[in-house]
Amino acid sequence: MSPLDCDLLVIGSGAGGLSAAVTAAKLGLKVIVAEKEAQFGGTTAWSGGWMWLPRNPLAVEAGIVEPIDEPLAYLRHELGERFDEARARAFLEAAPRMVEFFRTKTALRFIDGNAIPDFHGRAPHASLGGRSLCAAPFDGRRLGARIADLKPPLPETTLWGMGIASGAELRHFFNALRKPASLWYVTQRVLAHGKDLLLHRRGMRLVNGNALIAALATSAFEAGVEVRTSCPARRLLRDGERVTGAVLATPEGVVEVHARCGVVLACGGFPHDDDRKRALLPHARTGKEHHSAASRGNTGDGLRLGETAGGQVATDGVQAAALAPVSLVPQADGSFAHFPHLVERGKPGLIAVTRRGQRFTNEADSYHDFMQALLAALPAGEPVQAWLVCDHAFMRHYGLGAAKPAPMPLGPMIANGYVQRGQTLAELARACGIDGDALQQTVQRFNRQALAGQDEDFAKGETAYNHMQGDAPFAAEQGWPNPCMGPLERGPFYAVKVVAGSLGTFAGLRTNAHAQVLDTQGQPIAGLYAGGNDMNSLMAGHYPSGGITLGPAMTFGWLAAHHMAGRLPSP
């Protein structure tokens, strides 16, 4: 095939890659995006879509105004000796301008997270809100025929393929059988989704990360960006020390793409690269013991490409992955889907135990902190696993993992072994291989504390983040003083096993404040940039707040595009 020419080649189509692509196109550059999978969107399309963006315009317009020194000090405290002030300051200075750019010049609109607190509310300079944004719901019909190329939401997190937005919308679904207003809302949503399935064969009201990708892709198409799917990058092209493009394997054959300004590597990190996992994740001795919920196409391509040009993958972070408890959902073909447990752990009436039948952490803390605590609680060499345990009332109200709440049937999830059930706690313990006596004692102690409203063991429900993860209205109705704690009282009892997993990876190519990939001497490699999870995380393996992947991904993509276009972002 004849070579292709452009100004910027972006390899990967998640938020980091598309942010760079859209920004560059708006700055007048000719852009090609190459995606290895058959559909664009990467892990972002499966995500909750939240972005940590302190001092953003929506917060300021709501009266939440803070100097840059506040989030900077929070990061300095949270990251400790791994705090990179140059990159942190570049991110915090650019984030508000990035948001303003996208909301005024593209199809992307935002909803505020002004009531969403940072994860670690007891830390100095943590915020009770105003540092988060999410993509607003998006009409998929704006993509036209290209809607078929958009990766749909992760099926296990949807209802018949219908994405459900976090917050008020999700609460309506939990309360559909209890409150007429919620039942009416859910009925309208289901009917509208059914109509979309008949007319378009997929939902058109897009939410969360699916909405973020759809809005970015729509903006890209409108700006003339060429998005090619099923086009993995095989190797980078170089002219001396400068990266000048890449070789792509397209459905029509191998093609060289020459990029005048540079190449952005945004391939999603290494969550499904067993070799890299084995090297960087101590709990994954062969690499296969880590079950990421990230897109299956994220196999470390960008990191390997960057290394061929002299880039270095950082190995000094406190954790190489954004850890999360994941359950393995049996599929009809014998494979397993990976379900990330992000929602139900903080709701009242659930505990997490090891095989010894003992709790090991505050279940309402962040997914990353939950897994860090599990790793610390287990003896070296023991398989990384725990069980989420609840009673019948909890199961039918909230569901458990991929098992949906009432009125959705529970039987199939019990029949395929995903959900374990016991009429008594002792029977449940036998089914799971848990110490039955210890589980009985754990539940009795937890129930007493739940009725008193205080977790004497792990302080569950005592931070603003815990409160948000809980369900204060429902707890109040039941007479429970703690929004995250309710007793496990009446059988049958249920459990789902969770294992070591992640939402993505942190360890990536070392970069500077412009997102340029650095060589072994710390010097930028001309023409080569990294974005998303191919860029070493600004957080250095820490997880101080929700959205610390997508917020920097969007911001550094925007910064990279300005740098390669030779245009300093306007203040």
Protein backbone atom coordinates (compact mmCIF):
# COMPACT_ATOMS: atom_id res chain seq x y z
CA MET A 1 0.00 0.00 0.00
CA SER A 2 1.06 3.60 -0.58
CA PRO A 3 2.35 5.46 2.46
CA LEU A 4 0.01 7.81 4.31
CA ASP A 5 1.01 11.28 5.44
CA CYS A 6 -0.26 13.27 8.39
CA ASP A 7 0.91 15.69 11.04
CA LEU A 8 0.05 13.51 14.04
CA LEU A 9 -0.40 9.76 14.36
CA VAL A 10 -2.19 8.60 17.50
CA ILE A 11 -1.90 4.90 18.31
CA GLY A 12 -4.89 3.98 20.48
CA SER A 13 -8.38 5.44 20.83
CA GLY A 14 -9.13 5.82 24.53
CA ALA A 15 -9.56 9.19 26.23
CA GLY A 16 -5.84 10.01 26.21
CA GLY A 17 -5.43 9.33 22.51
CA LEU A 18 -8.65 11.01 21.39
CA SER A 19 -7.99 14.07 23.57
CA ALA A 20 -4.69 14.59 21.74
CA ALA A 21 -6.28 13.86 18.36
CA VAL A 22 -9.21 16.25 18.75
CA THR A 23 -7.04 19.03 20.18
CA ALA A 24 -4.47 18.70 17.41
CA ALA A 25 -7.16 18.74 14.73
CA LYS A 26 -8.68 21.87 16.26
CA LEU A 27 -5.20 23.44 16.13
CA GLY A 28 -5.07 22.78 12.39
CA LEU A 29 -3.12 19.52 12.24
CA LYS A 30 -3.97 16.54 10.03
CA VAL A 31 -4.52 13.59 12.36
CA ILE A 32 -4.81 9.82 11.96
CA VAL A 33 -5.87 7.57 14.84
CA ALA A 34 -4.95 3.88 14.59
CA GLU A 35 -6.86 1.43 16.83
CA LYS A 36 -5.86 -2.24 16.94
CA GLU A 37 -9.31 -3.50 17.93
CA ALA A 38 -12.36 -3.64 15.67
CA GLN A 39 -14.07 -0.91 17.71
CA PHE A 40 -12.65 2.32 19.15
CA GLY A 41 -12.83 3.47 22.74
CA GLY A 42 -10.53 1.13 24.66
CA THR A 43 -11.00 0.76 28.40
CA THR A 44 -12.42 4.29 28.59
CA ALA A 45 -15.57 3.08 26.82
CA TRP A 46 -16.12 0.59 29.67
CA SER A 47 -15.26 3.01 32.47
CA GLY A 48 -17.33 5.17 34.79
CA GLY A 49 -16.04 8.18 32.85
CA TRP A 50 -15.10 10.27 35.88
CA MET A 51 -12.12 12.62 35.67
CA TRP A 52 -10.20 14.20 38.56
CA LEU A 53 -9.81 17.81 37.40
CA PRO A 54 -9.35 20.23 40.33
CA ARG A 55 -10.32 23.88 39.87
CA ASN A 56 -12.47 23.04 36.85
CA PRO A 57 -14.88 25.66 35.44
CA LEU A 58 -18.03 23.87 36.60
CA ALA A 59 -16.80 23.90 40.18
CA VAL A 60 -15.81 27.56 39.95
CA GLU A 61 -19.22 28.48 38.53
CA ALA A 62 -20.81 26.72 41.52
CA GLY A 63 -18.73 28.81 43.92
CA ILE A 64 -16.11 26.17 44.72
CA VAL A 65 -12.92 28.16 44.30
CA GLU A 66 -9.56 26.97 45.58
CA PRO A 67 -6.00 28.05 44.83
CA ILE A 68 -3.75 25.64 42.97
CA ASP A 69 -1.77 25.16 46.18
CA GLU A 70 -4.63 23.13 47.73
CA PRO A 71 -4.76 20.17 45.28
CA LEU A 72 -0.98 20.49 44.86
CA ALA A 73 -0.53 20.05 48.61
CA TYR A 74 -2.94 17.09 48.63
CA LEU A 75 -0.88 15.37 45.95
CA ARG A 76 2.35 16.22 47.72
CA HIS A 77 1.06 14.58 50.89
CA GLU A 78 -0.42 11.55 49.12
CA LEU A 79 2.52 10.81 46.82
CA GLY A 80 5.30 11.50 49.31
CA GLU A 81 8.79 11.02 47.94
CA ARG A 82 7.39 10.12 44.51
CA PHE A 83 5.73 13.51 44.06
CA ASP A 84 6.78 15.07 40.72
CA GLU A 85 6.11 18.77 41.15
CA ALA A 86 6.81 19.73 37.54
CA ARG A 87 4.29 17.29 36.10
CA ALA A 88 1.80 17.84 38.92
CA ARG A 89 1.86 21.60 38.46
CA ALA A 90 1.59 21.26 34.67
CA PHE A 91 -1.46 19.05 35.11
CA LEU A 92 -3.20 21.28 37.66
CA GLU A 93 -2.52 24.45 35.68
CA ALA A 94 -3.73 22.96 32.40
CA ALA A 95 -6.77 20.98 33.64
CA PRO A 96 -9.22 23.93 33.86
CA ARG A 97 -8.12 25.21 30.45
CA MET A 98 -8.53 21.75 28.95
CA VAL A 99 -12.10 21.53 30.24
CA GLU A 100 -12.93 24.97 28.87
CA PHE A 101 -11.42 24.04 25.50
CA PHE A 102 -13.50 20.89 25.14
CA ARG A 103 -16.78 22.29 26.40
CA THR A 104 -16.61 25.34 24.11
CA LYS A 105 -14.96 23.93 20.99
CA THR A 106 -16.16 20.31 20.78
CA ALA A 107 -19.20 18.07 21.24
CA LEU A 108 -18.11 17.08 24.75
CA ARG A 109 -20.18 18.36 27.65
CA PHE A 110 -19.59 17.72 31.33
CA ILE A 111 -21.61 17.11 34.47
CA ASP A 112 -20.11 18.24 37.74
CA GLY A 113 -18.88 16.15 40.60
CA ASN A 114 -19.15 18.94 43.11
CA ALA A 115 -20.39 16.57 45.82
CA ILE A 116 -17.77 13.87 45.17
CA PRO A 117 -15.00 13.84 47.79
CA ASP A 118 -11.42 12.69 47.48
CA PHE A 119 -10.74 9.11 48.59
CA HIS A 120 -8.70 9.96 51.68
CA GLY A 121 -10.80 12.46 53.57
CA ARG A 122 -8.60 12.46 56.67
CA ALA A 123 -5.54 13.58 54.71
CA PRO A 124 -4.50 17.24 54.75
CA HIS A 125 -5.94 19.28 51.88
CA ALA A 126 -8.40 16.56 50.81
CA SER A 127 -11.55 18.02 49.30
CA LEU A 128 -15.21 17.29 49.99
CA GLY A 129 -16.05 18.04 46.35
CA GLY A 130 -15.44 20.19 43.31
CA ARG A 131 -12.50 18.29 41.86
CA SER A 132 -14.37 15.81 39.63
CA LEU A 133 -16.23 15.87 36.33
CA CYS A 134 -17.93 13.27 34.15
CA ALA A 135 -19.05 13.31 30.54
CA ALA A 136 -22.70 14.28 30.21
CA PRO A 137 -25.09 11.74 28.63
CA PHE A 138 -24.62 11.72 24.86
CA ASP A 139 -26.95 10.94 21.97
CA GLY A 140 -25.27 8.13 20.03
CA ARG A 141 -27.18 9.05 16.89
CA ARG A 142 -24.74 11.93 16.43
CA LEU A 143 -22.13 9.37 15.43
CA GLY A 144 -24.23 8.27 12.46
CA ALA A 145 -22.98 5.04 10.88
CA ARG A 146 -19.81 5.16 12.99
CA ILE A 147 -21.86 4.18 16.05
CA ALA A 148 -21.17 0.60 14.96
CA ASP A 149 -17.46 1.24 15.54
CA LEU A 150 -17.94 2.44 19.13
CA LYS A 151 -17.13 -0.21 21.74
CA PRO A 152 -20.32 -0.76 23.77
CA PRO A 153 -20.29 -0.74 27.59
CA LEU A 154 -19.06 -3.85 29.40
CA PRO A 155 -22.14 -6.15 29.19
CA GLU A 156 -21.90 -7.34 32.80
CA THR A 157 -22.27 -3.76 34.07
CA THR A 158 -25.37 -3.02 31.99
CA LEU A 159 -29.02 -4.04 31.91
CA TRP A 160 -29.69 -5.62 28.49
CA GLY A 161 -26.84 -3.50 27.13
CA MET A 162 -28.23 -0.28 28.64
CA GLY A 163 -25.66 1.82 30.44
CA ILE A 164 -26.75 3.20 33.82
CA ALA A 165 -25.25 6.46 35.04
CA SER A 166 -23.81 6.56 38.53
CA GLY A 167 -25.52 8.62 41.21
CA ALA A 168 -29.21 9.46 41.04
CA GLU A 169 -29.96 7.22 38.06
CA LEU A 170 -28.41 4.16 39.68
CA ARG A 171 -30.38 4.85 42.88
CA HIS A 172 -33.60 4.78 40.84
CA PHE A 173 -32.74 1.28 39.63
CA PHE A 174 -32.00 0.10 43.18
CA ASN A 175 -35.33 1.53 44.38
CA ALA A 176 -37.51 0.53 41.43
CA LEU A 177 -39.48 -2.04 43.45
CA ARG A 178 -39.80 0.21 46.49
CA LYS A 179 -40.65 3.68 45.24
CA PRO A 180 -43.23 4.59 42.57
CA ALA A 181 -41.17 7.51 41.27
CA SER A 182 -38.18 5.25 40.76
CA LEU A 183 -40.31 2.57 39.10
CA TRP A 184 -41.65 5.18 36.67
CA TYR A 185 -38.15 6.43 35.88
CA VAL A 186 -36.80 2.92 35.29
CA THR A 187 -39.81 1.97 33.16
CA GLN A 188 -39.25 4.98 30.91
CA ARG A 189 -35.57 4.18 30.55
CA VAL A 190 -36.20 0.52 29.74
CA LEU A 191 -38.88 1.35 27.17
CA ALA A 192 -36.64 3.92 25.49
CA HIS A 193 -33.78 1.42 25.43
CA GLY A 194 -36.04 -1.22 23.92
CA LYS A 195 -36.98 1.20 21.16
CA ASP A 196 -33.29 1.89 20.50
CA LEU A 197 -32.61 -1.84 20.23
CA LEU A 198 -35.39 -2.22 17.66
CA LEU A 199 -34.29 0.78 15.59
CA HIS A 200 -30.51 0.80 16.06
CA ARG A 201 -29.62 -2.59 17.60
CA ARG A 202 -27.96 -0.83 20.54
CA GLY A 203 -28.73 1.86 23.12
CA MET A 204 -28.41 5.44 21.93
CA ARG A 205 -28.50 7.23 25.27
CA LEU A 206 -24.84 6.88 26.16
CA VAL A 207 -23.52 7.52 29.67
CA ASN A 208 -20.31 7.28 31.69
CA GLY A 209 -17.14 6.44 29.75
CA ASN A 210 -19.16 5.42 26.70
CA ALA A 211 -20.49 8.98 26.51
CA LEU A 212 -16.99 10.40 26.89
CA ILE A 213 -15.65 8.36 23.98
CA ALA A 214 -18.71 9.04 21.81
CA ALA A 215 -18.40 12.79 22.34
CA LEU A 216 -14.65 12.75 21.65
CA ALA A 217 -15.09 10.58 18.56
CA THR A 218 -17.88 12.79 17.24
CA SER A 219 -15.64 15.81 17.74
CA ALA A 220 -12.80 14.00 15.99
CA PHE A 221 -14.89 13.12 12.96
CA GLU A 222 -16.28 16.65 12.73
CA ALA A 223 -12.71 18.03 12.83
CA GLY A 224 -11.57 15.74 10.01
CA VAL A 225 -9.67 13.17 12.07
CA GLU A 226 -9.32 9.81 10.34
CA VAL A 227 -10.02 6.99 12.82
CA ARG A 228 -8.93 3.58 11.54
CA THR A 229 -9.93 0.43 13.42
CA SER A 230 -8.37 -3.06 13.16
CA CYS A 231 -5.01 -1.37 12.54
CA PRO A 232 -2.39 -2.46 15.09
CA ALA A 233 0.96 -0.69 15.02
CA ARG A 234 3.87 -3.03 14.28
CA ARG A 235 6.88 -0.73 14.64
CA LEU A 236 7.86 2.91 14.82
CA LEU A 237 9.56 4.75 11.96
CA ARG A 238 12.59 6.88 12.73
CA ASP A 239 14.81 9.40 11.01
CA GLY A 240 17.95 9.34 13.10
CA GLU A 241 16.84 9.87 16.68
CA ARG A 242 13.46 11.37 15.73
CA VAL A 243 10.28 9.28 15.58
CA THR A 244 8.55 10.04 12.28
CA GLY A 245 5.63 7.62 12.11
CA ALA A 246 4.75 3.95 12.34
CA VAL A 247 4.02 0.84 10.34
CA LEU A 248 0.40 -0.31 10.64
CA ALA A 249 -1.11 -3.70 9.80
CA THR A 250 -4.42 -2.74 8.18
CA PRO A 251 -7.15 -5.02 6.78
CA GLU A 252 -5.91 -4.00 3.32
CA GLY A 253 -2.25 -4.72 4.08
CA VAL A 254 0.80 -3.19 5.72
CA VAL A 255 1.09 0.59 5.39
CA GLU A 256 3.61 3.18 6.53
CA VAL A 257 2.20 6.33 8.15
CA HIS A 258 4.52 9.33 8.14
CA ALA A 259 3.74 11.88 10.85
CA ARG A 260 5.40 15.30 10.50
CA CYS A 261 4.89 16.43 14.11
CA GLY A 262 4.97 13.19 15.99
CA VAL A 263 3.39 10.01 17.31
CA VAL A 264 1.31 9.61 20.48
CA LEU A 265 1.39 6.16 22.09
CA ALA A 266 -1.94 5.63 23.87
CA CYS A 267 -2.46 1.86 23.79
CA GLY A 268 -3.84 1.41 27.29
CA GLY A 269 -0.86 0.11 29.25
CA PHE A 270 -0.17 -3.57 29.97
CA PRO A 271 -3.16 -5.08 31.89
CA HIS A 272 -3.21 -8.15 29.64
CA ASP A 273 0.53 -8.55 29.03
CA ASP A 274 1.49 -11.56 31.16
CA ASP A 275 5.22 -10.93 30.82
CA ARG A 276 5.00 -7.35 32.05
CA LYS A 277 2.56 -8.32 34.83
CA ARG A 278 4.93 -11.04 35.99
CA ALA A 279 7.75 -8.50 36.12
CA LEU A 280 5.89 -5.67 37.85
CA LEU A 281 3.09 -7.23 39.94
CA PRO A 282 4.50 -9.30 42.84
CA HIS A 283 1.18 -11.11 43.40
CA ALA A 284 1.11 -12.32 39.78
CA ARG A 285 3.95 -14.86 39.80
CA THR A 286 3.21 -16.09 36.27
CA GLY A 287 1.29 -13.01 35.13
CA LYS A 288 -1.94 -14.98 34.91
CA GLU A 289 -2.94 -14.48 38.55
CA HIS A 290 -4.02 -10.89 37.82
CA HIS A 291 -7.44 -10.51 36.17
CA SER A 292 -7.85 -6.99 34.88
CA ALA A 293 -11.22 -5.51 33.95
CA ALA A 294 -9.49 -3.39 31.30
CA SER A 295 -10.04 -3.87 27.57
CA ARG A 296 -8.60 -7.18 26.35
CA GLY A 297 -6.73 -5.37 23.58
CA ASN A 298 -4.48 -3.62 26.10
CA THR A 299 -1.49 -5.94 25.87
CA GLY A 300 1.43 -3.56 26.32
CA ASP A 301 1.94 -2.62 22.66
CA GLY A 302 2.65 1.04 23.38
CA LEU A 303 5.25 0.31 26.04
CA ARG A 304 7.14 -2.06 23.76
CA LEU A 305 7.03 0.43 20.88
CA GLY A 306 8.31 3.18 23.16
CA GLU A 307 11.16 1.02 24.38
CA THR A 308 12.33 0.38 20.82
CA ALA A 309 12.82 4.14 20.45
CA GLY A 310 14.80 4.42 23.68
CA GLY A 311 11.95 5.09 26.11
CA GLN A 312 11.98 3.69 29.64
CA VAL A 313 9.11 2.05 31.54
CA ALA A 314 9.09 3.23 35.15
CA THR A 315 9.39 0.47 37.72
CA ASP A 316 9.64 2.52 40.91
CA GLY A 317 5.96 3.19 41.66
CA VAL A 318 4.46 1.90 44.89
CA GLN A 319 2.00 -0.13 42.81
CA ALA A 320 2.14 -0.85 39.07
CA ALA A 321 -1.61 -1.22 38.61
CA ALA A 322 -4.85 0.51 39.59
CA LEU A 323 -5.98 -2.37 41.76
CA ALA A 324 -9.60 -3.44 42.09
CA PRO A 325 -11.43 -6.55 43.31
CA VAL A 326 -12.64 -8.48 40.28
CA SER A 327 -14.96 -11.49 40.06
CA LEU A 328 -14.82 -14.04 37.25
CA VAL A 329 -18.17 -14.38 35.49
CA PRO A 330 -18.64 -17.67 33.59
CA GLN A 331 -19.55 -17.28 29.91
CA ALA A 332 -21.37 -19.69 27.62
CA ASP A 333 -18.18 -20.48 25.68
CA GLY A 334 -16.28 -21.50 28.82
CA SER A 335 -14.38 -18.23 29.20
CA PHE A 336 -14.75 -15.70 32.01
CA ALA A 337 -15.68 -12.02 31.97
CA HIS A 338 -13.96 -9.82 34.55
CA PHE A 339 -16.41 -7.82 36.68
CA PRO A 340 -14.96 -4.89 38.70
CA HIS A 341 -16.62 -4.43 42.11
CA LEU A 342 -16.92 -0.66 42.43
CA VAL A 343 -20.46 -0.03 43.70
CA GLU A 344 -21.91 -2.49 46.19
CA ARG A 345 -19.05 -2.83 48.69
CA GLY A 346 -20.03 0.33 50.59
CA LYS A 347 -23.74 -0.43 50.81
CA PRO A 348 -25.20 -1.46 54.19
CA GLY A 349 -25.39 -5.22 54.69
CA LEU A 350 -22.21 -6.54 53.07
CA ILE A 351 -18.87 -7.71 54.44
CA ALA A 352 -15.69 -9.02 52.85
CA VAL A 353 -13.78 -11.93 54.39
CA THR A 354 -10.77 -14.10 53.61
CA ARG A 355 -10.95 -17.90 53.67
CA ARG A 356 -10.30 -17.61 57.40
CA GLY A 357 -13.74 -16.05 57.77
CA GLN A 358 -12.41 -12.73 59.01
CA ARG A 359 -12.84 -9.19 57.74
CA PHE A 360 -9.63 -7.49 56.68
CA THR A 361 -10.58 -3.93 55.71
CA ASN A 362 -13.16 -1.18 55.47
CA GLU A 363 -15.28 -2.47 52.59
CA ALA A 364 -16.48 1.06 51.73
CA ASP A 365 -12.98 2.35 51.01
CA SER A 366 -11.79 2.69 47.43
CA TYR A 367 -11.28 -0.37 45.26
CA HIS A 368 -7.52 0.24 45.25
CA ASP A 369 -7.33 0.52 49.03
CA PHE A 370 -9.51 -2.60 49.35
CA MET A 371 -7.04 -4.64 47.32
CA GLN A 372 -4.00 -3.19 49.05
CA ALA A 373 -5.52 -4.30 52.36
CA LEU A 374 -6.26 -7.79 51.01
CA LEU A 375 -2.70 -8.21 49.75
CA ALA A 376 -1.38 -7.13 53.15
CA ALA A 377 -3.72 -9.51 55.01
CA LEU A 378 -2.74 -12.67 53.15
CA PRO A 379 0.34 -14.79 53.88
CA ALA A 380 3.00 -14.71 51.16
CA GLY A 381 2.24 -17.15 48.36
CA GLU A 382 -1.44 -17.59 49.21
CA PRO A 383 -3.85 -17.06 46.29
CA VAL A 384 -5.21 -13.53 46.32
CA GLN A 385 -8.93 -13.98 46.89
CA ALA A 386 -11.71 -12.98 49.24
CA TRP A 387 -15.49 -13.34 49.44
CA LEU A 388 -18.14 -10.64 49.45
CA VAL A 389 -20.90 -11.91 51.74
CA CYS A 390 -24.48 -10.65 52.12
CA ASP A 391 -27.95 -11.83 53.09
CA HIS A 392 -31.05 -12.31 50.95
CA ALA A 393 -32.45 -8.81 51.53
CA PHE A 394 -29.18 -7.21 50.35
CA MET A 395 -28.95 -9.46 47.31
CA ARG A 396 -32.41 -8.63 46.06
CA HIS A 397 -32.07 -4.91 46.78
CA TYR A 398 -28.56 -4.21 45.45
CA GLY A 399 -27.43 -7.37 43.69
CA LEU A 400 -23.90 -8.66 44.09
CA GLY A 401 -21.38 -8.17 41.32
CA ALA A 402 -22.76 -9.38 38.00
CA ALA A 403 -25.81 -10.85 39.79
CA LYS A 404 -28.52 -8.23 39.33
CA PRO A 405 -31.07 -7.19 41.99
CA ALA A 406 -34.76 -8.08 41.84
CA PRO A 407 -36.71 -8.53 39.67
CA MET A 408 -33.86 -9.96 37.59
CA PRO A 409 -33.54 -13.74 38.08
CA LEU A 410 -30.80 -15.00 40.37
CA GLY A 411 -31.00 -18.69 39.45
CA PRO A 412 -28.66 -18.66 36.45
CA MET A 413 -25.86 -17.06 38.48
CA ILE A 414 -26.23 -19.74 41.15
CA ALA A 415 -26.41 -22.52 38.57
CA ASN A 416 -23.17 -21.47 36.85
CA GLY A 417 -21.31 -21.22 40.15
CA TYR A 418 -20.75 -17.47 40.11
CA VAL A 419 -22.89 -16.95 43.23
CA GLN A 420 -22.61 -19.32 46.19
CA ARG A 421 -25.69 -19.73 48.38
CA GLY A 422 -26.34 -21.29 51.78
CA GLN A 423 -29.47 -21.37 53.89
CA THR A 424 -27.22 -20.72 56.87
CA LEU A 425 -23.83 -19.08 57.26
CA ALA A 426 -22.34 -22.49 58.05
CA GLU A 427 -23.70 -23.90 54.79
CA LEU A 428 -22.41 -20.90 52.84
CA ALA A 429 -18.99 -21.28 54.45
CA ARG A 430 -18.77 -24.94 53.38
CA ALA A 431 -19.70 -24.01 49.80
CA CYS A 432 -16.95 -21.38 49.67
CA GLY A 433 -14.23 -23.15 51.65
CA ILE A 434 -14.39 -20.52 54.40
CA ASP A 435 -13.80 -21.22 58.10
CA GLY A 436 -17.41 -21.58 59.25
CA ASP A 437 -16.95 -20.89 62.96
CA ALA A 438 -14.92 -17.77 62.25
CA LEU A 439 -17.49 -16.52 59.73
CA GLN A 440 -20.29 -16.95 62.29
CA GLN A 441 -18.31 -14.97 64.85
CA THR A 442 -17.39 -12.28 62.31
CA VAL A 443 -21.01 -11.76 61.27
CA GLN A 444 -22.23 -11.66 64.88
CA ARG A 445 -19.64 -9.02 65.76
CA PHE A 446 -20.36 -7.01 62.60
CA ASN A 447 -24.12 -7.13 63.23
CA ARG A 448 -23.71 -5.73 66.73
CA GLN A 449 -21.56 -2.92 65.42
CA ALA A 450 -23.94 -2.23 62.53
CA LEU A 451 -26.87 -1.77 64.89
CA ALA A 452 -24.74 0.55 67.02
CA GLY A 453 -23.55 2.41 63.92
CA GLN A 454 -19.83 2.18 64.59
CA ASP A 455 -17.25 -0.11 63.00
CA GLU A 456 -14.74 -0.57 65.82
CA ASP A 457 -12.46 -2.66 63.61
CA PHE A 458 -12.06 -0.67 60.38
CA ALA A 459 -13.97 2.64 60.83
CA LYS A 460 -16.40 1.89 58.02
CA GLY A 461 -18.63 4.84 57.17
CA GLU A 462 -16.55 7.54 58.85
CA THR A 463 -15.31 9.50 55.81
CA ALA A 464 -17.16 11.55 53.23
CA TYR A 465 -16.13 9.08 50.53
CA ASN A 466 -17.54 6.18 52.58
CA HIS A 467 -20.81 8.07 53.02
CA MET A 468 -21.09 8.58 49.28
CA GLN A 469 -20.51 4.87 48.69
CA GLY A 470 -23.20 3.97 51.23
CA ASP A 471 -26.95 4.46 51.16
CA ALA A 472 -28.00 6.91 53.84
CA PRO A 473 -31.73 7.12 52.92
CA PHE A 474 -32.17 3.34 52.94
CA ALA A 475 -30.16 2.91 56.14
CA ALA A 476 -32.27 5.56 57.83
CA GLU A 477 -35.47 3.78 56.77
CA GLN A 478 -34.19 0.63 58.43
CA GLY A 479 -33.12 2.44 61.57
CA TRP A 480 -29.41 1.87 60.95
CA PRO A 481 -27.29 4.85 62.06
CA ASN A 482 -24.38 4.18 59.68
CA PRO A 483 -25.06 4.54 55.90
CA CYS A 484 -22.48 1.83 55.14
CA MET A 485 -23.45 -0.73 57.77
CA GLY A 486 -26.46 -3.01 58.07
CA PRO A 487 -26.76 -6.43 59.74
CA LEU A 488 -26.67 -9.72 57.80
CA GLU A 489 -29.70 -11.31 59.40
CA ARG A 490 -31.87 -13.68 57.37
CA GLY A 491 -30.87 -16.48 55.03
CA PRO A 492 -30.33 -17.59 52.51
CA PHE A 493 -26.89 -16.01 52.52
CA TYR A 494 -24.80 -15.38 49.41
CA ALA A 495 -21.14 -14.91 48.47
CA VAL A 496 -19.16 -14.01 45.37
CA LYS A 497 -15.42 -14.64 45.21
CA VAL A 498 -13.22 -11.72 44.22
CA VAL A 499 -9.64 -12.07 43.00
CA ALA A 500 -6.70 -9.82 42.25
CA GLY A 501 -7.53 -7.47 39.41
CA SER A 502 -7.33 -3.89 38.23
CA LEU A 503 -9.00 -1.16 36.21
CA GLY A 504 -5.76 -0.63 34.31
CA THR A 505 -2.06 -0.12 34.90
CA PHE A 506 0.00 2.73 36.37
CA ALA A 507 3.55 1.88 35.30
CA GLY A 508 4.27 3.39 31.90
CA LEU A 509 6.78 5.27 29.81
CA ARG A 510 8.57 8.09 31.62
CA THR A 511 7.49 11.47 30.27
CA ASN A 512 7.95 15.16 30.96
CA ALA A 513 5.37 17.89 31.51
CA HIS A 514 4.64 18.04 27.75
CA ALA A 515 3.97 14.25 27.61
CA GLN A 516 7.18 13.69 25.63
CA VAL A 517 8.71 10.25 26.17
CA LEU A 518 12.10 10.45 27.90
CA ASP A 519 15.22 8.41 27.17
CA THR A 520 17.61 6.86 29.69
CA GLN A 521 19.27 10.25 30.24
CA GLY A 522 15.95 11.95 30.96
CA GLN A 523 15.96 13.75 27.62
CA PRO A 524 12.86 13.94 25.39
CA ILE A 525 12.78 11.66 22.35
CA ALA A 526 11.94 13.92 19.41
CA GLY A 527 8.55 13.16 17.88
CA LEU A 528 7.40 10.66 20.54
CA TYR A 529 4.69 11.27 23.12
CA ALA A 530 2.74 9.00 25.47
CA GLY A 531 -0.81 9.33 26.72
CA GLY A 532 -3.33 7.55 28.92
CA ASN A 533 -1.91 4.47 30.62
CA ASP A 534 1.09 4.29 28.28
CA MET A 535 2.32 7.35 30.19
CA ASN A 536 3.75 6.59 33.62
CA SER A 537 1.07 7.68 36.06
CA LEU A 538 1.47 11.07 37.64
CA MET A 539 0.27 9.38 40.84
CA ALA A 540 3.29 6.98 40.92
CA GLY A 541 1.21 4.03 42.03
CA HIS A 542 -0.91 5.90 44.59
CA TYR A 543 -4.68 6.39 44.19
CA PRO A 544 -5.76 9.58 45.97
CA SER A 545 -9.11 10.11 44.26
CA GLY A 546 -11.49 8.75 41.66
CA GLY A 547 -10.72 9.82 38.10
CA ILE A 548 -6.94 10.10 38.52
CA THR A 549 -6.50 8.07 35.32
CA LEU A 550 -8.90 9.85 32.96
CA GLY A 551 -8.30 13.37 34.30
CA PRO A 552 -4.56 13.36 33.56
CA ALA A 553 -5.17 11.38 30.34
CA MET A 554 -7.42 14.11 28.96
CA THR A 555 -5.16 16.90 30.20
CA PHE A 556 -1.82 15.56 29.01
CA GLY A 557 -3.36 14.65 25.66
CA TRP A 558 -4.37 18.28 25.32
CA LEU A 559 -0.91 19.44 26.38
CA ALA A 560 0.85 17.06 23.99
CA ALA A 561 -1.18 18.33 21.04
CA HIS A 562 -0.31 21.94 21.82
CA HIS A 563 3.37 21.10 22.20
CA MET A 564 3.69 19.26 18.91
CA ALA A 565 1.70 21.99 17.14
CA GLY A 566 4.14 24.56 18.51
CA ARG A 567 1.29 26.39 20.21
CA LEU A 568 1.49 27.21 23.90
CA PRO A 569 -1.93 26.82 25.55
CA SER A 570 -3.55 30.17 26.17
CA PRO A 571 -3.63 31.12 29.87
